[in-house]
Protein backbone atom coordinates (compact mmCIF):
# COMPACT_ATOMS: atom_id res chain seq x y z
CA MET A 1 -36.35 -87.57 34.52
CA GLN A 2 -35.38 -91.56 32.81
CA THR A 3 -32.85 -92.54 31.60
CA LEU A 4 -32.32 -95.66 29.59
CA GLU A 5 -28.79 -97.09 28.55
CA VAL A 6 -29.88 -98.26 24.60
CA GLU A 7 -26.01 -100.41 23.07
CA ILE A 8 -26.73 -101.22 19.63
CA ASN A 9 -24.35 -103.40 17.50
CA THR A 10 -24.33 -101.51 14.48
CA GLU A 11 -22.75 -98.32 13.71
CA TYR A 12 -26.12 -95.80 13.51
CA ILE A 13 -30.25 -96.69 14.37
CA PRO A 14 -32.84 -94.82 12.98
CA LEU A 15 -34.15 -92.29 15.42
CA ASN A 16 -38.07 -93.77 15.30
CA ASP A 17 -36.08 -97.14 15.44
CA LEU A 18 -34.47 -96.38 19.02
CA LEU A 19 -37.87 -94.91 19.92
CA LYS A 20 -39.09 -98.93 19.91
CA ILE A 21 -36.12 -100.65 21.11
CA ALA A 22 -35.96 -98.20 23.76
CA GLY A 23 -39.95 -98.52 24.27
CA VAL A 24 -40.66 -95.46 24.19
CA VAL A 25 -43.39 -96.36 21.60
CA ASP A 26 -44.78 -99.65 20.65
CA SER A 27 -43.61 -98.66 16.72
CA GLY A 28 -41.70 -97.57 13.66
CA GLY A 29 -44.86 -95.39 12.75
CA ALA A 30 -45.51 -94.17 15.82
CA GLY A 31 -41.67 -93.82 16.69
CA LYS A 32 -42.46 -91.12 13.06
CA ALA A 33 -45.03 -89.70 14.53
CA LEU A 34 -43.58 -88.39 18.14
CA VAL A 35 -40.56 -87.24 15.58
CA ALA A 36 -43.28 -85.47 13.65
CA SER A 37 -44.78 -83.94 16.83
CA GLY A 38 -40.66 -81.91 17.52
CA VAL A 39 -40.69 -82.81 20.97
CA VAL A 40 -37.57 -85.15 20.94
CA MET A 41 -33.66 -83.61 21.18
CA VAL A 42 -30.69 -85.20 19.91
CA ASP A 43 -27.75 -84.43 21.97
CA GLY A 44 -29.58 -81.00 23.36
CA VAL A 45 -30.73 -80.27 19.04
CA GLN A 46 -34.79 -80.53 17.95
CA GLU A 47 -34.72 -84.09 15.70
CA LEU A 48 -37.43 -83.46 13.39
CA ARG A 49 -35.98 -86.05 10.42
CA LYS A 50 -37.26 -89.82 11.41
CA THR A 51 -34.54 -91.83 10.61
CA ASN A 52 -32.07 -89.55 11.82
CA LYS A 53 -29.04 -91.98 12.13
CA ILE A 54 -28.27 -92.41 15.81
CA ARG A 55 -24.28 -92.82 16.75
CA PRO A 56 -22.92 -93.85 19.84
CA GLY A 57 -22.53 -91.29 22.27
CA MET A 58 -25.64 -89.60 20.85
CA ALA A 59 -27.62 -88.50 23.69
CA VAL A 60 -31.36 -89.12 22.55
CA ASN A 61 -34.12 -87.09 25.02
CA VAL A 62 -38.16 -87.76 24.52
CA ASP A 63 -40.46 -84.65 26.43
CA GLY A 64 -37.70 -84.18 28.30
CA GLN A 65 -38.78 -87.10 30.67
CA VAL A 66 -37.38 -89.75 28.72
CA LEU A 67 -32.47 -89.49 28.19
CA ILE A 68 -31.20 -92.33 26.07
CA LYS A 69 -28.06 -92.75 25.61
CA VAL A 70 -26.07 -94.93 22.65
CA THR A 71 -23.92 -96.83 23.33
CA ALA A 72 -22.17 -99.32 21.18
CA ALA A 73 -22.08 -102.86 22.70
CA ALA A 74 -18.38 -104.43 22.94
CA GLU A 75 -16.65 -106.29 20.33
């Protein structure tokens, strides 16, 4: 499984944007389609909300192949 770490400097990032920033998809629209397909898990629970707020400390798993860990940017 590929593990990626994405650092954000905001309180949260919408799930579809996180997938785009992490390079899992090419666009936010493709991220929305991926989430709608049911293969995205957030902290071990299937997530179907395309713009779910992902905060530092949360982990996103895509189809058991990619794990994205979200961290807060250093001040």
